Amino acid sequence: MIQTICVIGAGTMGSGIAQTAAQSGFTTLLFDINTTILEQAKISIQKNLQYLTGKQKITEADKTAIYNRIQFTSDIKNCIADIIIEAIVEKIEVKVAVFNQLAAINNPQVIFATNTSSLSVSEIQKKVAHPQRVIGMHFFNPAPLMKLVEVVKGEQTDNTVAKEVYELCKAINKTPVLCKDAPGFIVNRVARHYYLEAMKLVENNYATIEDVDLIMDASGFKMGPFKLMDLIGMDINLAVSQYVYNAFNQQERFKPSPLQINKVEKGELGKKTGKGFYNYNI
């Protein structure tokens, strides 16, 4: 039974996952080797909880209790839990190294969940000490608000582990969808064309960025593709496109857009840098 959740990586996604776990009553550890990022996570979580208090979603007592459930640490030796969720850089070798380091100090029954948005769970688990305990747990940004979590079974993932993680998602008030490991999983596989076709329209001068977003908003989408790419982060979105493109033997329909590549090369990554397809510094 999962009682303690450890999140590795205190960036936007990691801190959001930690907040979500703590709000649902779980003892939570949030680790990052970078103490500056860890301090920023503390401020972000406090701000989010204060917002919920102001909206009367939670009480002052709730706010204090939720925050106190989170232990912030930069010492990996403290990362002992029933499930460890990594939200770190999208590089298989880095994820594998962290999981193996944590496997050495945790009991053999610990579950290792990767929050990767596109990397192969099967490839990650091949190099981890207990491959049957490795699974994908793909949250969406912002984690405290977005309901969906893709629960991704790798080739060696134990069915009991998959069931336990599926139930955990429901316990933290998320909507889990179980899927098998495949390039882009479900959401990023389907969404590639939402982004790529939108960028082709602009590249070929058939429409403007603003026109595409406007018509998609009017069609019932919560956010147009360009605003959504700015929110996700241009670098992250491009990395997924590149991974899917290569995973499908560079089929033309998955080819990354020069428009987005140019944005990344210029460091215009979206909201987090103040400029992407839109200017947020105005």
Protein backbone atom coordinates (compact mmCIF):
# COMPACT_ATOMS: atom_id res chain seq x y z
CA MET A 1 0.00 0.00 0.00
CA ILE A 2 1.40 3.39 -1.01
CA GLN A 3 1.68 5.86 1.87
CA THR A 4 4.81 7.85 1.07
CA ILE A 5 5.53 9.49 -2.29
CA CYS A 6 8.92 10.86 -3.30
CA VAL A 7 9.24 13.22 -6.26
CA ILE A 8 12.63 13.68 -7.88
CA GLY A 9 13.07 17.08 -9.50
CA ALA A 10 11.58 20.26 -8.04
CA GLY A 11 10.90 22.13 -11.26
CA THR A 12 7.41 23.18 -12.36
CA MET A 13 6.21 19.64 -12.96
CA GLY A 14 7.89 18.04 -9.96
CA SER A 15 6.69 20.67 -7.49
CA GLY A 16 3.19 20.38 -8.97
CA ILE A 17 3.17 16.61 -8.49
CA ALA A 18 4.41 16.98 -4.92
CA GLN A 19 1.68 19.52 -4.15
CA THR A 20 -0.93 17.19 -5.65
CA ALA A 21 0.26 14.27 -3.51
CA ALA A 22 0.30 16.35 -0.33
CA GLN A 23 -3.17 17.78 -1.03
CA SER A 24 -4.44 14.21 -1.19
CA GLY A 25 -3.07 13.36 2.24
CA PHE A 26 0.16 11.57 1.29
CA THR A 27 3.45 12.03 3.11
CA THR A 28 5.56 13.61 0.38
CA LEU A 29 9.26 14.17 -0.24
CA LEU A 30 10.46 16.61 -2.89
CA PHE A 31 14.11 16.25 -3.89
CA ASP A 32 16.35 18.39 -6.04
CA ILE A 33 20.11 18.60 -6.00
CA ASN A 34 19.80 22.30 -6.85
CA THR A 35 18.89 24.12 -3.64
CA THR A 36 17.88 27.26 -5.53
CA ILE A 37 15.25 25.31 -7.48
CA LEU A 38 14.14 23.70 -4.23
CA GLU A 39 13.61 27.13 -2.63
CA GLN A 40 11.68 28.28 -5.71
CA ALA A 41 9.47 25.18 -5.36
CA LYS A 42 8.69 26.10 -1.76
CA ILE A 43 7.63 29.59 -2.81
CA SER A 44 5.56 28.25 -5.73
CA ILE A 45 3.71 25.70 -3.60
CA GLN A 46 3.03 28.27 -0.87
CA LYS A 47 1.69 30.67 -3.51
CA ASN A 48 -0.55 27.99 -5.02
CA LEU A 49 -1.93 26.99 -1.62
CA GLN A 50 -2.56 30.61 -0.71
CA TYR A 51 -4.49 31.03 -3.96
CA LEU A 52 -6.67 28.03 -3.05
CA THR A 53 -7.22 29.50 0.40
CA GLY A 54 -8.21 32.85 -1.10
CA LYS A 55 -10.71 31.07 -3.35
CA GLN A 56 -12.03 29.21 -0.30
CA LYS A 57 -11.14 25.88 -1.87
CA ILE A 58 -9.20 24.98 1.27
CA THR A 59 -9.04 26.42 4.79
CA GLU A 60 -6.04 28.03 6.49
CA ALA A 61 -5.68 24.85 8.53
CA ASP A 62 -5.73 22.77 5.33
CA LYS A 63 -3.05 25.00 3.80
CA THR A 64 -0.75 24.50 6.75
CA ALA A 65 -1.37 20.76 6.91
CA ILE A 66 -0.74 20.27 3.18
CA TYR A 67 2.52 22.22 3.23
CA ASN A 68 3.72 20.39 6.34
CA ARG A 69 3.23 17.05 4.60
CA ILE A 70 6.02 17.96 2.18
CA GLN A 71 9.65 17.40 3.14
CA PHE A 72 12.03 19.36 0.93
CA THR A 73 15.49 17.82 0.60
CA SER A 74 18.68 18.10 -1.42
CA ASP A 75 20.09 14.91 0.12
CA ILE A 76 19.21 11.89 -1.99
CA LYS A 77 19.74 9.61 1.03
CA ASN A 78 16.46 10.98 2.39
CA CYS A 79 14.55 9.72 -0.64
CA ILE A 80 12.98 6.64 0.92
CA ALA A 81 9.36 6.03 -0.15
CA ASP A 82 6.81 3.54 -1.43
CA ILE A 83 6.82 5.12 -4.87
CA ILE A 84 9.41 7.39 -6.47
CA ILE A 85 8.25 9.64 -9.31
CA GLU A 86 10.99 11.28 -11.36
CA ALA A 87 10.39 14.56 -13.14
CA ILE A 88 13.89 15.33 -14.34
CA VAL A 89 15.67 15.95 -17.64
CA GLU A 90 14.41 13.94 -20.65
CA LYS A 91 17.49 11.75 -21.02
CA ILE A 92 17.24 8.00 -20.53
CA GLU A 93 20.73 7.63 -19.09
CA VAL A 94 20.07 10.27 -16.41
CA LYS A 95 16.74 8.71 -15.40
CA VAL A 96 18.31 5.25 -15.24
CA ALA A 97 21.22 6.49 -13.11
CA VAL A 98 18.87 8.14 -10.61
CA PHE A 99 16.59 5.10 -10.37
CA ASN A 100 19.54 2.77 -9.78
CA GLN A 101 20.97 5.10 -7.15
CA LEU A 102 17.61 5.10 -5.37
CA ALA A 103 17.17 1.34 -5.75
CA ALA A 104 20.30 0.88 -3.67
CA ILE A 105 18.79 2.66 -0.64
CA ASN A 106 15.12 1.60 -0.95
CA ASN A 107 13.49 -1.77 -0.39
CA PRO A 108 12.97 -4.03 -3.43
CA GLN A 109 9.22 -3.31 -3.47
CA VAL A 110 9.56 0.40 -4.26
CA ILE A 111 7.84 1.51 -7.47
CA PHE A 112 9.80 3.67 -9.91
CA ALA A 113 7.57 5.91 -12.00
CA THR A 114 8.90 8.08 -14.81
CA ASN A 115 7.02 11.22 -15.76
CA THR A 116 8.55 11.17 -19.24
CA SER A 117 6.30 12.60 -21.92
CA SER A 118 7.74 10.52 -24.74
CA LEU A 119 10.77 8.36 -23.87
CA SER A 120 10.35 4.60 -23.95
CA VAL A 121 9.47 3.14 -20.56
CA SER A 122 10.62 -0.26 -21.85
CA GLU A 123 14.08 1.12 -22.66
CA ILE A 124 14.37 2.76 -19.25
CA GLN A 125 13.40 -0.38 -17.35
CA LYS A 126 15.90 -2.58 -19.24
CA LYS A 127 18.71 -0.83 -17.37
CA VAL A 128 17.11 -0.50 -13.92
CA ALA A 129 17.72 -2.91 -11.03
CA HIS A 130 14.08 -4.00 -10.70
CA PRO A 131 12.58 -3.58 -14.20
CA GLN A 132 9.21 -5.07 -13.24
CA ARG A 133 8.77 -2.19 -10.75
CA VAL A 134 9.24 0.53 -13.41
CA ILE A 135 6.23 2.27 -14.97
CA GLY A 136 5.31 5.49 -16.73
CA MET A 137 3.21 8.06 -14.86
CA HIS A 138 2.78 10.93 -17.30
CA PHE A 139 1.26 14.00 -15.64
CA PHE A 140 0.26 17.12 -17.55
CA ASN A 141 1.10 20.73 -16.76
CA PRO A 142 -0.02 22.25 -14.44
CA ALA A 143 -0.11 19.02 -12.44
CA PRO A 144 -2.37 20.25 -9.61
CA LEU A 145 -5.07 21.24 -12.12
CA MET A 146 -4.83 18.80 -15.02
CA LYS A 147 -6.81 15.64 -14.32
CA LEU A 148 -5.29 13.22 -16.81
CA VAL A 149 -2.40 10.88 -16.03
CA GLU A 150 -1.18 8.36 -18.60
CA VAL A 151 -0.17 5.17 -16.78
CA VAL A 152 2.28 3.54 -19.18
CA LYS A 153 3.16 -0.15 -18.95
CA GLY A 154 6.60 -1.09 -20.22
CA GLU A 155 7.33 -4.53 -21.59
CA GLN A 156 8.43 -5.80 -18.16
CA THR A 157 6.05 -3.87 -15.91
CA ASP A 158 4.29 -6.14 -13.42
CA ASN A 159 0.49 -6.09 -13.66
CA THR A 160 0.23 -5.62 -9.89
CA VAL A 161 2.42 -2.50 -10.14
CA ALA A 162 0.25 -1.12 -12.94
CA LYS A 163 -2.90 -1.68 -10.89
CA GLU A 164 -1.36 -0.07 -7.80
CA VAL A 165 -0.30 3.03 -9.75
CA TYR A 166 -3.69 3.21 -11.46
CA GLU A 167 -5.39 3.22 -8.05
CA LEU A 168 -2.90 5.78 -6.74
CA CYS A 169 -3.90 8.16 -9.55
CA LYS A 170 -7.50 7.94 -8.43
CA ALA A 171 -6.44 8.47 -4.82
CA ILE A 172 -4.79 11.78 -5.77
CA ASN A 173 -7.94 12.84 -7.62
CA LYS A 174 -6.65 12.17 -11.14
CA THR A 175 -8.16 10.39 -14.12
CA PRO A 176 -5.80 7.55 -15.07
CA VAL A 177 -5.66 6.02 -18.54
CA LEU A 178 -3.71 2.78 -18.83
CA CYS A 179 -1.75 2.30 -22.04
CA LYS A 180 1.10 0.24 -23.42
CA ASP A 181 4.48 1.76 -24.12
CA ALA A 182 4.56 3.26 -27.63
CA PRO A 183 6.17 6.38 -29.15
CA GLY A 184 4.36 9.42 -27.76
CA PHE A 185 2.01 7.15 -25.75
CA ILE A 186 -1.57 8.29 -26.52
CA VAL A 187 -1.77 12.04 -25.97
CA ASN A 188 1.52 13.12 -27.54
CA ARG A 189 1.03 10.74 -30.47
CA VAL A 190 -2.38 12.21 -31.29
CA ALA A 191 -1.38 15.79 -30.47
CA ARG A 192 1.61 15.88 -32.84
CA HIS A 193 -0.64 16.84 -35.74
CA TYR A 194 -2.47 19.46 -33.71
CA TYR A 195 0.87 21.26 -33.48
CA LEU A 196 2.57 20.24 -36.72
CA GLU A 197 -0.35 20.95 -39.08
CA ALA A 198 -0.94 24.30 -37.38
CA MET A 199 2.67 25.28 -37.99
CA LYS A 200 2.49 24.11 -41.62
CA LEU A 201 -0.46 26.45 -42.19
CA VAL A 202 1.62 29.37 -40.92
CA GLU A 203 4.79 28.31 -42.76
CA ASN A 204 2.87 28.19 -46.06
CA ASN A 205 1.18 31.56 -45.40
CA TYR A 206 -2.31 30.05 -45.35
CA ALA A 207 -3.07 31.58 -41.95
CA THR A 208 -1.52 33.58 -39.13
CA ILE A 209 -0.64 32.27 -35.70
CA GLU A 210 -3.44 34.36 -34.22
CA ASP A 211 -6.00 33.11 -36.78
CA VAL A 212 -5.21 29.44 -36.10
CA ASP A 213 -5.49 29.88 -32.33
CA LEU A 214 -8.67 31.91 -32.69
CA ILE A 215 -10.45 29.33 -34.82
CA MET A 216 -9.39 26.43 -32.60
CA ASP A 217 -10.61 28.33 -29.53
CA ALA A 218 -13.92 28.98 -31.31
CA SER A 219 -14.14 25.28 -32.22
CA GLY A 220 -14.23 24.28 -28.57
CA PHE A 221 -10.57 23.63 -27.81
CA LYS A 222 -9.49 25.06 -24.46
CA MET A 223 -6.35 26.47 -26.02
CA GLY A 224 -5.06 26.98 -29.55
CA PRO A 225 -1.92 25.07 -30.62
CA PHE A 226 0.45 28.06 -30.53
CA LYS A 227 -0.65 29.25 -27.10
CA LEU A 228 -0.43 25.66 -25.88
CA MET A 229 3.12 25.24 -27.21
CA ASP A 230 4.09 28.46 -25.45
CA LEU A 231 2.62 27.12 -22.21
CA ILE A 232 4.28 23.70 -22.46
CA GLY A 233 7.64 25.14 -23.48
CA MET A 234 8.96 25.16 -27.02
CA ASP A 235 12.00 23.06 -26.14
CA ILE A 236 9.93 20.35 -24.47
CA ASN A 237 7.35 20.26 -27.26
CA LEU A 238 10.05 20.09 -29.96
CA ALA A 239 11.88 17.30 -28.12
CA VAL A 240 8.73 15.18 -28.17
CA SER A 241 8.25 15.83 -31.88
CA GLN A 242 11.86 14.86 -32.59
CA TYR A 243 11.55 11.68 -30.54
CA VAL A 244 8.32 10.61 -32.26
CA TYR A 245 9.77 11.51 -35.68
CA ASN A 246 12.81 9.29 -35.12
CA ALA A 247 10.76 6.51 -33.50
CA PHE A 248 8.69 6.29 -36.70
CA ASN A 249 11.75 6.13 -38.95
CA GLN A 250 11.49 9.83 -39.85
CA GLN A 251 8.13 9.64 -41.57
CA GLU A 252 7.32 12.97 -43.20
CA ARG A 253 4.04 13.37 -41.29
CA PHE A 254 5.96 13.58 -38.00
CA LYS A 255 8.76 15.86 -39.22
CA PRO A 256 9.46 18.70 -36.75
CA SER A 257 8.64 22.20 -37.95
CA PRO A 258 11.44 24.63 -38.94
CA LEU A 259 9.26 27.34 -37.38
CA GLN A 260 9.58 25.73 -33.97
CA ILE A 261 13.22 24.74 -34.41
CA ASN A 262 14.04 28.39 -35.11
CA LYS A 263 12.24 29.49 -31.94
CA VAL A 264 14.24 27.02 -29.83
CA GLU A 265 17.54 28.06 -31.43
CA LYS A 266 16.77 31.69 -30.53
CA GLY A 267 15.84 30.75 -26.96
CA GLU A 268 12.24 31.86 -27.45
CA LEU A 269 10.73 29.00 -25.50
CA GLY A 270 7.35 30.45 -24.59
CA LYS A 271 5.96 31.78 -21.33
CA LYS A 272 8.95 30.64 -19.27
CA THR A 273 11.31 32.89 -21.26
CA GLY A 274 8.83 35.70 -21.85
CA LYS A 275 8.61 35.11 -25.58
CA GLY A 276 7.58 32.28 -27.88
CA PHE A 277 4.98 32.51 -30.60
CA TYR A 278 3.59 35.35 -28.47
CA ASN A 279 5.37 38.08 -26.53
CA TYR A 280 4.72 37.88 -22.76
CA ASN A 281 6.99 40.77 -21.79
CA ILE A 282 4.54 43.42 -22.92
